[in-house]
């Protein structure tokens, strides 16, 4: 089952994008921070058809590297990309006796919950459960080793005019974590517009 269809079923119970960003720094339409994050994370960004880039808004809740908005401005998509190269190097370095360390490949779900708590008006213990995608489907559609989704209601400091959010989390072992935040006024508007942008970020 395609993951976007799974998401639709989840919402009811509770087409790839166009314009691939070429990995060439001379393409001035690609911001330097996005270019560098994509390169280090071994990811591809596809601009959804008809969407336009919008300004990244500083906020106290969640930093993101890039954002796009639908033609009718009813959906905004924000991207968080965390390359794991430095964390993997730190994890693999020799350890002193008694020194503890955490495998960066095992904490994406916990990080996702942390991000949700940071941007949601809902208390941490009442947040929606994070639902993992089928491993074969997430590999086929995103070339990821793990992926999951959840939805939440947004703090105004992060969402602005948008009140509802679906988050898609992606992880590729030893490479990167990424999160795609789909922001809309409500669940119905999100469902009506998210399909074009659902696969806009994926691993190579």
N, C-alpha and C. Protein backbone atom coordinates (compact mmCIF):
# COMPACT_ATOMS: atom_id res chain seq x y z
N UNK A 1 0.84 -1.19 0.00
CA UNK A 1 0.00 0.00 0.00
C UNK A 1 0.88 1.25 0.00
N UNK A 2 0.59 2.19 -0.89
CA UNK A 2 1.35 3.42 -0.88
C UNK A 2 1.15 4.15 0.44
N UNK A 3 2.20 4.77 0.92
CA UNK A 3 2.15 5.38 2.25
C UNK A 3 1.17 6.54 2.31
N UNK A 4 1.01 7.29 1.22
CA UNK A 4 0.04 8.38 1.22
C UNK A 4 -1.37 7.84 1.41
N UNK A 5 -1.66 6.67 0.86
CA UNK A 5 -2.97 6.05 1.05
C UNK A 5 -3.14 5.60 2.49
N UNK A 6 -2.06 5.09 3.08
CA UNK A 6 -2.11 4.72 4.48
C UNK A 6 -2.44 5.93 5.34
N UNK A 7 -1.83 7.07 5.02
CA UNK A 7 -2.08 8.29 5.78
C UNK A 7 -3.54 8.70 5.66
N UNK A 8 -4.11 8.57 4.47
CA UNK A 8 -5.52 8.91 4.28
C UNK A 8 -6.41 8.02 5.13
N UNK A 9 -6.08 6.73 5.20
CA UNK A 9 -6.86 5.83 6.02
C UNK A 9 -6.75 6.17 7.49
N UNK A 10 -5.55 6.56 7.92
CA UNK A 10 -5.34 6.95 9.32
C UNK A 10 -6.22 8.14 9.67
N UNK A 11 -6.23 9.16 8.80
CA UNK A 11 -7.00 10.35 9.06
C UNK A 11 -8.50 10.06 9.07
N UNK A 12 -8.93 9.19 8.19
CA UNK A 12 -10.35 8.86 8.13
C UNK A 12 -10.78 8.11 9.38
N UNK A 13 -9.89 7.29 9.90
CA UNK A 13 -10.18 6.56 11.11
C UNK A 13 -9.94 7.42 12.32
N UNK A 14 -9.20 8.25 12.54
CA UNK A 14 -9.04 9.16 13.67
C UNK A 14 -9.59 10.42 13.22
N UNK A 15 2.07 9.71 -7.10
CA UNK A 15 2.21 10.96 -7.75
C UNK A 15 3.43 11.70 -7.28
N UNK A 16 4.38 11.50 -7.40
CA UNK A 16 5.64 12.16 -7.07
C UNK A 16 5.60 13.61 -7.51
N UNK A 17 6.35 14.46 -6.78
CA UNK A 17 6.40 15.88 -7.10
C UNK A 17 7.30 16.12 -8.30
N UNK A 18 7.24 17.34 -8.81
CA UNK A 18 7.98 17.70 -10.02
C UNK A 18 9.05 18.72 -9.69
N UNK A 19 10.03 18.86 -10.60
CA UNK A 19 11.02 19.91 -10.46
C UNK A 19 12.16 19.54 -9.54
N UNK A 20 12.84 18.47 -9.82
CA UNK A 20 13.91 17.99 -8.94
C UNK A 20 15.04 19.00 -8.84
N UNK A 21 15.50 19.24 -7.61
CA UNK A 21 16.63 20.13 -7.39
C UNK A 21 17.91 19.41 -7.78
N UNK A 22 18.64 19.95 -8.73
CA UNK A 22 19.91 19.38 -9.13
C UNK A 22 20.96 19.74 -8.09
N UNK A 23 21.87 18.82 -7.85
CA UNK A 23 22.90 19.04 -6.85
C UNK A 23 24.07 19.82 -7.44
N UNK A 24 23.81 21.05 -7.82
CA UNK A 24 24.84 21.92 -8.37
C UNK A 24 24.77 23.25 -7.63
N UNK A 25 25.87 23.60 -6.99
CA UNK A 25 25.86 24.82 -6.17
C UNK A 25 25.64 26.08 -7.02
N UNK A 26 26.00 26.02 -8.34
CA UNK A 26 25.83 27.20 -9.16
C UNK A 26 24.36 27.50 -9.44
N UNK A 27 23.48 26.56 -9.12
CA UNK A 27 22.05 26.82 -9.26
C UNK A 27 21.64 27.76 -8.12
N UNK A 28 21.51 29.03 -8.41
CA UNK A 28 21.29 30.03 -7.36
C UNK A 28 19.90 29.92 -6.75
N UNK A 29 19.02 29.11 -7.36
CA UNK A 29 17.69 28.93 -6.78
C UNK A 29 17.72 28.01 -5.57
N UNK A 30 18.84 27.35 -5.35
CA UNK A 30 18.98 26.46 -4.21
C UNK A 30 19.72 27.19 -3.09
N UNK A 31 19.07 27.48 -1.97
CA UNK A 31 19.78 28.14 -0.86
C UNK A 31 20.96 27.30 -0.38
N UNK A 32 22.01 27.97 0.05
CA UNK A 32 23.22 27.27 0.45
C UNK A 32 22.96 26.28 1.59
N UNK A 33 22.14 26.66 2.56
CA UNK A 33 21.91 25.76 3.69
C UNK A 33 21.14 24.52 3.27
N UNK A 34 20.19 24.68 2.34
CA UNK A 34 19.47 23.53 1.83
C UNK A 34 20.39 22.65 1.00
N UNK A 35 21.17 23.25 0.13
CA UNK A 35 22.11 22.50 -0.71
C UNK A 35 23.06 21.67 0.16
N UNK A 36 23.64 22.29 1.18
CA UNK A 36 24.59 21.59 2.04
C UNK A 36 23.93 20.47 2.83
N UNK A 37 22.72 20.72 3.31
CA UNK A 37 22.01 19.68 4.06
C UNK A 37 21.66 18.50 3.17
N UNK A 38 21.19 18.77 1.96
CA UNK A 38 20.85 17.69 1.03
C UNK A 38 22.09 16.87 0.67
N UNK A 39 23.19 17.56 0.45
CA UNK A 39 24.42 16.86 0.06
C UNK A 39 24.90 15.96 1.19
N UNK A 40 24.98 16.50 2.41
CA UNK A 40 25.46 15.70 3.54
C UNK A 40 24.50 14.56 3.88
N UNK A 41 23.21 14.79 3.69
CA UNK A 41 22.21 13.78 4.04
C UNK A 41 21.92 12.81 2.90
N UNK A 42 22.56 13.02 1.75
CA UNK A 42 22.34 12.16 0.59
C UNK A 42 20.87 12.09 0.23
N UNK A 43 20.27 13.27 0.11
CA UNK A 43 18.84 13.37 -0.17
C UNK A 43 18.58 14.15 -1.44
N UNK A 44 17.38 13.99 -1.95
CA UNK A 44 16.89 14.70 -3.13
C UNK A 44 15.64 15.47 -2.73
N UNK A 45 15.55 16.72 -3.16
CA UNK A 45 14.34 17.50 -2.95
C UNK A 45 13.67 17.73 -4.29
N UNK A 46 12.38 17.46 -4.35
CA UNK A 46 11.56 17.72 -5.53
C UNK A 46 10.58 18.83 -5.20
N UNK A 47 10.64 19.93 -5.94
CA UNK A 47 9.67 21.00 -5.72
C UNK A 47 8.29 20.52 -6.17
N UNK A 48 7.32 20.48 -5.27
CA UNK A 48 5.97 20.06 -5.68
C UNK A 48 5.42 20.99 -6.76
N UNK A 49 4.69 20.42 -7.69
CA UNK A 49 4.18 21.18 -8.83
C UNK A 49 3.30 22.34 -8.36
N UNK A 50 3.63 23.54 -8.82
CA UNK A 50 2.85 24.72 -8.48
C UNK A 50 3.23 25.38 -7.17
N UNK A 51 4.03 24.71 -6.35
CA UNK A 51 4.42 25.26 -5.05
C UNK A 51 5.53 26.29 -5.24
N UNK A 52 5.66 27.16 -4.26
CA UNK A 52 6.72 28.16 -4.26
C UNK A 52 7.41 28.20 -2.90
N UNK A 53 8.70 28.49 -2.92
CA UNK A 53 9.45 28.61 -1.67
C UNK A 53 8.96 29.81 -0.89
N UNK A 54 8.93 29.70 0.43
CA UNK A 54 8.54 30.80 1.31
C UNK A 54 9.64 31.00 2.34
N UNK A 55 9.62 32.15 2.95
CA UNK A 55 10.65 32.50 3.92
C UNK A 55 10.62 31.58 5.14
N UNK A 56 11.79 31.16 5.58
CA UNK A 56 11.90 30.41 6.83
C UNK A 56 11.73 31.38 7.98
N UNK A 57 10.79 31.10 8.86
CA UNK A 57 10.45 32.01 9.95
C UNK A 57 11.12 31.55 11.24
N UNK A 58 12.03 32.34 11.80
CA UNK A 58 12.63 31.98 13.09
C UNK A 58 11.56 31.85 14.16
N UNK A 59 11.67 30.83 15.00
CA UNK A 59 10.69 30.61 16.05
C UNK A 59 11.36 29.85 17.18
N UNK A 60 10.78 29.88 18.38
CA UNK A 60 11.42 29.24 19.54
C UNK A 60 11.16 27.74 19.64
N UNK A 61 10.41 27.18 18.70
CA UNK A 61 9.93 25.81 18.84
C UNK A 61 10.70 24.78 18.01
N UNK A 62 10.98 25.10 16.74
CA UNK A 62 11.57 24.11 15.85
C UNK A 62 12.25 24.81 14.68
N UNK A 63 13.56 24.63 14.54
CA UNK A 63 14.28 25.17 13.39
C UNK A 63 14.07 24.26 12.19
N UNK A 64 13.86 24.87 11.02
CA UNK A 64 13.73 24.09 9.79
C UNK A 64 14.54 24.78 8.70
N UNK A 65 14.94 24.00 7.69
CA UNK A 65 15.91 24.51 6.72
C UNK A 65 15.25 25.11 5.49
N UNK A 66 13.99 24.73 5.21
CA UNK A 66 13.36 25.16 3.96
C UNK A 66 11.86 25.00 4.10
N UNK A 67 11.10 25.77 3.31
CA UNK A 67 9.65 25.67 3.34
C UNK A 67 9.07 26.04 1.98
N UNK A 68 7.98 25.38 1.63
CA UNK A 68 7.27 25.70 0.39
C UNK A 68 5.78 25.80 0.71
N UNK A 69 5.04 26.48 -0.19
CA UNK A 69 3.61 26.69 0.03
C UNK A 69 2.84 26.37 -1.23
N UNK A 70 1.66 25.80 -1.07
CA UNK A 70 0.82 25.40 -2.19
C UNK A 70 0.31 26.62 -2.94
N UNK A 71 -0.10 26.44 -4.20
CA UNK A 71 -0.56 27.59 -5.01
C UNK A 71 -1.68 28.38 -4.36
N UNK A 72 -2.60 27.71 -3.67
CA UNK A 72 -3.71 28.42 -3.02
C UNK A 72 -3.40 28.82 -1.58
N UNK A 73 -2.16 28.57 -1.15
CA UNK A 73 -1.67 28.95 0.17
C UNK A 73 -2.38 28.23 1.32
N UNK A 74 -3.01 27.09 1.02
CA UNK A 74 -3.72 26.36 2.06
C UNK A 74 -2.85 25.30 2.74
N UNK A 75 -1.68 25.04 2.17
CA UNK A 75 -0.77 24.07 2.76
C UNK A 75 0.65 24.60 2.71
N UNK A 76 1.36 24.51 3.82
CA UNK A 76 2.78 24.84 3.86
C UNK A 76 3.54 23.60 4.30
N UNK A 77 4.68 23.37 3.66
CA UNK A 77 5.50 22.20 3.98
C UNK A 77 6.86 22.68 4.44
N UNK A 78 7.28 22.24 5.62
CA UNK A 78 8.56 22.64 6.19
C UNK A 78 9.46 21.41 6.35
N UNK A 79 10.75 21.62 6.09
CA UNK A 79 11.69 20.52 6.04
C UNK A 79 12.80 20.69 7.08
N UNK A 80 13.02 19.61 7.82
CA UNK A 80 14.12 19.54 8.78
C UNK A 80 15.03 18.40 8.34
N UNK A 81 16.31 18.68 8.15
CA UNK A 81 17.27 17.68 7.67
C UNK A 81 18.47 17.65 8.63
N UNK A 82 18.71 16.50 9.24
CA UNK A 82 19.81 16.35 10.18
C UNK A 82 20.78 15.27 9.68
N UNK A 83 21.84 15.65 8.98
CA UNK A 83 22.87 14.67 8.60
C UNK A 83 23.48 14.05 9.85
N UNK A 84 23.84 12.78 9.75
CA UNK A 84 24.37 12.05 10.90
C UNK A 84 25.88 11.84 10.85
N UNK A 85 26.56 12.46 9.87
CA UNK A 85 27.99 12.17 9.71
C UNK A 85 28.79 12.47 10.98
N UNK A 86 28.57 13.63 11.58
CA UNK A 86 29.34 13.97 12.78
C UNK A 86 28.95 13.11 13.98
N UNK A 87 27.66 12.77 14.10
CA UNK A 87 27.23 11.92 15.20
C UNK A 87 27.76 10.50 15.07
N UNK A 88 27.79 10.00 13.83
CA UNK A 88 28.33 8.65 13.61
C UNK A 88 29.82 8.62 13.92
N UNK A 89 30.54 9.66 13.53
CA UNK A 89 31.97 9.73 13.83
C UNK A 89 32.21 9.76 15.33
N UNK A 90 31.40 10.52 16.06
CA UNK A 90 31.52 10.58 17.51
C UNK A 90 31.18 9.23 18.14
N UNK A 91 30.14 8.58 17.62
CA UNK A 91 29.73 7.28 18.15
C UNK A 91 30.81 6.23 17.95
N UNK A 92 31.53 6.32 16.83
CA UNK A 92 32.52 5.29 16.49
C UNK A 92 33.91 5.53 17.08
N UNK A 93 34.11 6.67 17.70
CA UNK A 93 35.44 6.94 18.25
C UNK A 93 35.72 6.04 19.45
N UNK A 94 36.99 5.78 19.76
CA UNK A 94 37.35 4.94 20.92
C UNK A 94 36.79 5.54 22.21
N UNK A 95 36.35 4.69 23.10
CA UNK A 95 35.73 5.12 24.35
C UNK A 95 36.63 4.82 25.54
N UNK A 96 36.55 5.71 26.51
CA UNK A 96 37.22 5.45 27.77
C UNK A 96 36.35 4.50 28.60
N UNK A 97 36.96 3.82 29.51
CA UNK A 97 36.22 2.86 30.34
C UNK A 97 35.10 3.57 31.10
N UNK A 98 33.91 3.02 31.00
CA UNK A 98 32.76 3.58 31.68
C UNK A 98 32.04 4.68 30.93
N UNK A 99 32.59 5.11 29.83
CA UNK A 99 31.96 6.18 29.04
C UNK A 99 30.79 5.61 28.25
N UNK A 100 29.65 6.27 28.34
CA UNK A 100 28.46 5.79 27.64
C UNK A 100 28.27 6.54 26.33
N UNK A 101 27.55 5.91 25.40
CA UNK A 101 27.25 6.54 24.13
C UNK A 101 25.97 5.93 23.56
N UNK A 102 25.29 6.70 22.75
CA UNK A 102 24.02 6.28 22.17
C UNK A 102 24.16 6.18 20.66
N UNK A 103 23.69 5.09 20.09
CA UNK A 103 23.75 4.89 18.65
C UNK A 103 22.78 5.85 17.97
N UNK A 104 23.25 6.76 17.12
CA UNK A 104 22.35 7.71 16.45
C UNK A 104 21.30 7.04 15.57
N UNK A 105 21.53 5.79 15.21
CA UNK A 105 20.57 5.09 14.35
C UNK A 105 19.37 4.55 15.11
N UNK A 106 19.33 4.72 16.41
CA UNK A 106 18.27 4.11 17.22
C UNK A 106 17.33 5.13 17.87
N UNK A 107 17.51 6.42 17.60
CA UNK A 107 16.77 7.43 18.38
C UNK A 107 15.84 8.29 17.56
N UNK A 108 15.61 7.94 16.30
CA UNK A 108 14.77 8.80 15.45
C UNK A 108 13.34 8.91 15.99
N UNK A 109 12.79 7.83 16.48
CA UNK A 109 11.43 7.88 17.03
C UNK A 109 11.37 8.82 18.23
N UNK A 110 12.36 8.74 19.11
CA UNK A 110 12.39 9.61 20.28
C UNK A 110 12.54 11.07 19.86
N UNK A 111 13.37 11.33 18.86
CA UNK A 111 13.53 12.70 18.35
C UNK A 111 12.25 13.21 17.73
N UNK A 112 11.53 12.33 17.04
CA UNK A 112 10.25 12.72 16.45
C UNK A 112 9.27 13.15 17.52
N UNK A 113 9.20 12.38 18.59
CA UNK A 113 8.31 12.73 19.70
C UNK A 113 8.73 14.06 20.32
N UNK A 114 10.02 14.28 20.45
CA UNK A 114 10.51 15.55 20.99
C UNK A 114 10.10 16.72 20.10
N UNK A 115 10.26 16.56 18.78
CA UNK A 115 9.86 17.63 17.86
C UNK A 115 8.36 17.90 17.95
N UNK A 116 7.58 16.84 18.03
CA UNK A 116 6.13 17.00 18.16
C UNK A 116 5.77 17.77 19.41
N UNK A 117 6.40 17.41 20.52
CA UNK A 117 6.12 18.09 21.78
C UNK A 117 6.50 19.57 21.71
N UNK A 118 7.55 19.87 20.98
CA UNK A 118 8.02 21.26 20.89
C UNK A 118 7.07 22.17 20.12
N UNK A 119 6.32 21.62 19.17
CA UNK A 119 5.49 22.46 18.32
C UNK A 119 3.99 22.31 18.59
N UNK A 120 3.61 21.39 19.48
CA UNK A 120 2.20 21.09 19.68
C UNK A 120 1.63 21.78 20.91
N UNK A 121 0.34 22.07 20.86
CA UNK A 121 -0.37 22.60 22.03
C UNK A 121 -0.81 21.46 22.95
N UNK A 122 -0.69 20.24 22.48
CA UNK A 122 -1.12 19.07 23.24
C UNK A 122 -0.03 18.63 24.21
N UNK A 123 -0.36 18.31 25.46
CA UNK A 123 0.64 17.82 26.41
C UNK A 123 1.34 16.56 25.88
N UNK A 124 2.58 16.38 26.28
CA UNK A 124 3.39 15.28 25.79
C UNK A 124 2.70 13.93 25.97
N UNK A 125 2.09 13.70 27.13
CA UNK A 125 1.49 12.39 27.39
C UNK A 125 0.17 12.17 26.66
N UNK A 126 -0.30 13.20 25.94
CA UNK A 126 -1.55 13.07 25.19
C UNK A 126 -1.34 13.14 23.68
N UNK A 127 -0.08 13.24 23.24
CA UNK A 127 0.20 13.29 21.82
C UNK A 127 -0.19 11.99 21.13
N UNK A 128 -0.57 12.11 19.86
CA UNK A 128 -0.93 10.93 19.08
C UNK A 128 0.26 9.98 18.97
N UNK A 129 -0.04 8.71 19.00
CA UNK A 129 1.01 7.70 18.85
C UNK A 129 1.68 7.84 17.49
N UNK A 130 3.00 7.66 17.46
CA UNK A 130 3.75 7.69 16.22
C UNK A 130 3.59 6.33 15.54
N UNK A 131 3.09 6.35 14.30
CA UNK A 131 2.82 5.11 13.58
C UNK A 131 3.92 4.85 12.56
N UNK A 132 4.63 3.76 12.71
CA UNK A 132 5.70 3.41 11.78
C UNK A 132 5.13 2.93 10.45
N UNK A 133 5.78 3.32 9.35
CA UNK A 133 5.42 2.85 8.03
C UNK A 133 5.92 1.41 7.84
N UNK A 134 5.31 0.72 6.92
CA UNK A 134 5.81 -0.58 6.50
C UNK A 134 7.23 -0.43 5.97
N UNK A 135 8.13 -1.31 6.40
CA UNK A 135 9.55 -1.16 6.07
C UNK A 135 9.81 -1.26 4.57
N UNK A 136 9.10 -2.14 3.87
CA UNK A 136 9.30 -2.26 2.43
C UNK A 136 8.77 -1.04 1.70
N UNK A 137 7.63 -0.52 2.15
CA UNK A 137 7.04 0.65 1.50
C UNK A 137 7.91 1.89 1.66
N UNK A 138 8.43 2.10 2.87
CA UNK A 138 9.25 3.29 3.10
C UNK A 138 10.58 3.20 2.38
N UNK A 139 11.07 1.98 2.19
CA UNK A 139 12.29 1.80 1.41
C UNK A 139 12.03 2.10 -0.06
N UNK A 140 10.91 1.63 -0.57
CA UNK A 140 10.58 1.83 -1.98
C UNK A 140 10.27 3.29 -2.29
N UNK A 141 9.52 3.96 -1.41
CA UNK A 141 9.04 5.31 -1.72
C UNK A 141 10.01 6.41 -1.30
N UNK A 142 10.82 6.16 -0.26
CA UNK A 142 11.73 7.19 0.23
C UNK A 142 13.19 6.73 0.28
N UNK A 143 13.46 5.48 -0.06
CA UNK A 143 14.78 4.87 0.10
C UNK A 143 15.29 5.03 1.53
N UNK A 144 14.38 4.95 2.49
CA UNK A 144 14.71 5.09 3.90
C UNK A 144 14.69 3.73 4.58
N UNK A 145 15.41 3.63 5.69
CA UNK A 145 15.40 2.40 6.47
C UNK A 145 14.29 2.38 7.51
N UNK A 146 13.77 3.54 7.82
CA UNK A 146 12.66 3.64 8.78
C UNK A 146 11.89 4.92 8.50
N UNK A 147 10.59 4.86 8.71
CA UNK A 147 9.77 6.06 8.55
C UNK A 147 8.52 5.93 9.39
N UNK A 148 7.92 7.06 9.71
CA UNK A 148 6.73 7.05 10.55
C UNK A 148 5.96 8.34 10.35
N UNK A 149 4.75 8.37 10.91
CA UNK A 149 3.93 9.57 10.80
C UNK A 149 3.09 9.75 12.05
N UNK A 150 2.65 10.98 12.27
CA UNK A 150 1.72 11.32 13.35
C UNK A 150 1.13 12.68 13.02
N UNK A 151 0.06 13.04 13.70
CA UNK A 151 -0.55 14.35 13.49
C UNK A 151 -0.73 15.05 14.83
N UNK A 152 -0.88 16.37 14.77
CA UNK A 152 -0.96 17.15 16.00
C UNK A 152 -1.55 18.52 15.72
N UNK A 153 -1.92 19.22 16.79
CA UNK A 153 -2.39 20.60 16.70
C UNK A 153 -1.25 21.53 17.12
N UNK A 154 -1.06 22.59 16.35
CA UNK A 154 0.15 23.40 16.44
C UNK A 154 0.04 24.57 17.43
N UNK A 155 1.18 24.88 18.03
CA UNK A 155 1.32 26.14 18.74
C UNK A 155 1.33 27.27 17.72
N UNK A 156 0.76 28.38 18.08
CA UNK A 156 0.72 29.52 17.17
C UNK A 156 2.13 30.04 16.87
N UNK A 157 3.03 29.92 17.84
CA UNK A 157 4.40 30.41 17.63
C UNK A 157 5.12 29.65 16.52
N UNK A 158 4.69 28.43 16.23
CA UNK A 158 5.27 27.67 15.13
C UNK A 158 4.36 27.68 13.91
N UNK A 159 3.08 27.46 14.11
CA UNK A 159 2.17 27.30 12.99
C UNK A 159 1.65 28.58 12.38
N UNK A 160 1.65 29.68 13.17
CA UNK A 160 1.07 30.92 12.65
C UNK A 160 -0.40 30.73 12.35
N UNK A 161 -0.80 30.96 11.09
CA UNK A 161 -2.21 30.82 10.71
C UNK A 161 -2.62 29.36 10.56
N UNK A 162 -1.64 28.46 10.52
CA UNK A 162 -1.94 27.03 10.38
C UNK A 162 -2.10 26.40 11.76
N UNK A 163 -3.11 25.54 11.90
CA UNK A 163 -3.43 24.96 13.20
C UNK A 163 -3.22 23.45 13.28
N UNK A 164 -3.19 22.79 12.12
CA UNK A 164 -3.10 21.33 12.10
C UNK A 164 -1.84 20.91 11.36
N UNK A 165 -1.23 19.81 11.79
CA UNK A 165 0.03 19.37 11.19
C UNK A 165 0.11 17.85 11.14
N UNK A 166 0.63 17.36 10.03
CA UNK A 166 1.04 15.96 9.92
C UNK A 166 2.54 15.94 9.73
N UNK A 167 3.22 15.12 10.49
CA UNK A 167 4.67 15.02 10.37
C UNK A 167 5.05 13.66 9.82
N UNK A 168 5.97 13.64 8.87
CA UNK A 168 6.54 12.41 8.35
C UNK A 168 8.01 12.38 8.75
N UNK A 169 8.41 11.35 9.44
CA UNK A 169 9.81 11.18 9.87
C UNK A 169 10.47 10.13 9.00
N UNK A 170 11.74 10.40 8.62
CA UNK A 170 12.50 9.48 7.78
C UNK A 170 13.89 9.28 8.37
N UNK A 171 14.40 8.06 8.28
CA UNK A 171 15.75 7.76 8.77
C UNK A 171 16.44 6.80 7.81
N UNK A 172 17.70 7.09 7.51
CA UNK A 172 18.55 6.16 6.77
C UNK A 172 19.79 5.90 7.61
N UNK A 173 20.06 4.64 7.88
CA UNK A 173 21.14 4.26 8.78
C UNK A 173 22.47 4.88 8.36
N UNK A 174 23.14 5.48 9.34
CA UNK A 174 24.46 6.08 9.20
C UNK A 174 24.50 7.26 8.24
N UNK A 175 23.32 7.75 7.82
CA UNK A 175 23.29 8.84 6.84
C UNK A 175 22.59 10.08 7.38
N UNK A 176 21.30 9.99 7.73
CA UNK A 176 20.58 11.20 8.14
C UNK A 176 19.21 10.87 8.71
N UNK A 177 18.69 11.82 9.46
CA UNK A 177 17.29 11.88 9.85
C UNK A 177 16.67 13.07 9.14
N UNK A 178 15.38 12.97 8.82
CA UNK A 178 14.68 14.10 8.22
C UNK A 178 13.23 14.07 8.66
N UNK A 179 12.64 15.27 8.72
CA UNK A 179 11.23 15.39 9.08
C UNK A 179 10.56 16.35 8.11
N UNK A 180 9.39 15.97 7.65
CA UNK A 180 8.58 16.81 6.77
C UNK A 180 7.32 17.18 7.53
N UNK A 181 7.11 18.48 7.71
CA UNK A 181 5.93 18.97 8.43
C UNK A 181 4.94 19.56 7.44
N UNK A 182 3.75 18.98 7.39
CA UNK A 182 2.68 19.47 6.51
C UNK A 182 1.72 20.29 7.38
N UNK A 183 1.63 21.59 7.11
CA UNK A 183 0.82 22.50 7.92
C UNK A 183 -0.40 22.97 7.15
N UNK A 184 -1.56 22.92 7.80
CA UNK A 184 -2.80 23.38 7.19
C UNK A 184 -3.71 23.95 8.27
N UNK A 185 -4.79 24.58 7.83
CA UNK A 185 -5.74 25.15 8.79
C UNK A 185 -6.48 24.06 9.55
N UNK A 186 -6.76 22.95 8.85
CA UNK A 186 -7.47 21.85 9.48
C UNK A 186 -7.14 20.55 8.74
N UNK A 187 -7.65 19.44 9.25
CA UNK A 187 -7.35 18.14 8.67
C UNK A 187 -7.86 18.00 7.25
N UNK A 188 -9.04 18.53 6.96
CA UNK A 188 -9.62 18.39 5.62
C UNK A 188 -8.76 19.11 4.57
N UNK A 189 -8.29 20.31 4.89
CA UNK A 189 -7.45 21.03 3.94
C UNK A 189 -6.11 20.35 3.76
N UNK A 190 -5.58 19.77 4.82
CA UNK A 190 -4.32 19.04 4.69
C UNK A 190 -4.48 17.83 3.77
N UNK A 191 -5.53 17.07 3.97
CA UNK A 191 -5.76 15.89 3.14
C UNK A 191 -5.97 16.25 1.68
N UNK A 192 -6.58 17.40 1.44
CA UNK A 192 -6.89 17.81 0.07
C UNK A 192 -5.66 18.26 -0.70
N UNK A 193 -4.56 18.61 0.00
CA UNK A 193 -3.43 19.24 -0.68
C UNK A 193 -2.09 18.55 -0.49
N UNK A 194 -1.99 17.59 0.42
CA UNK A 194 -0.66 17.07 0.76
C UNK A 194 -0.11 16.07 -0.26
N UNK A 195 -0.96 15.50 -1.11
CA UNK A 195 -0.51 14.46 -2.02
C UNK A 195 0.64 14.92 -2.92
N UNK A 196 0.54 16.13 -3.46
CA UNK A 196 1.55 16.63 -4.40
C UNK A 196 2.91 16.78 -3.74
N UNK A 197 2.94 17.00 -2.43
CA UNK A 197 4.19 17.26 -1.72
C UNK A 197 4.66 16.07 -0.88
N UNK A 198 3.92 14.99 -0.89
CA UNK A 198 4.20 13.90 0.05
C UNK A 198 5.59 13.30 -0.17
N UNK A 199 6.02 13.16 -1.41
CA UNK A 199 7.32 12.57 -1.71
C UNK A 199 8.36 13.62 -2.10
N UNK A 200 8.20 14.82 -1.64
CA UNK A 200 9.08 15.91 -2.08
C UNK A 200 10.50 15.80 -1.53
N UNK A 201 10.70 15.00 -0.50
CA UNK A 201 12.04 14.80 0.07
C UNK A 201 12.27 13.31 0.23
N UNK A 202 13.38 12.81 -0.27
CA UNK A 202 13.67 11.38 -0.14
C UNK A 202 15.19 11.16 -0.23
N UNK A 203 15.62 10.00 0.19
CA UNK A 203 17.03 9.65 0.12
C UNK A 203 17.38 9.17 -1.30
N UNK A 204 18.64 9.40 -1.67
CA UNK A 204 19.11 8.95 -2.99
C UNK A 204 19.13 7.43 -3.09
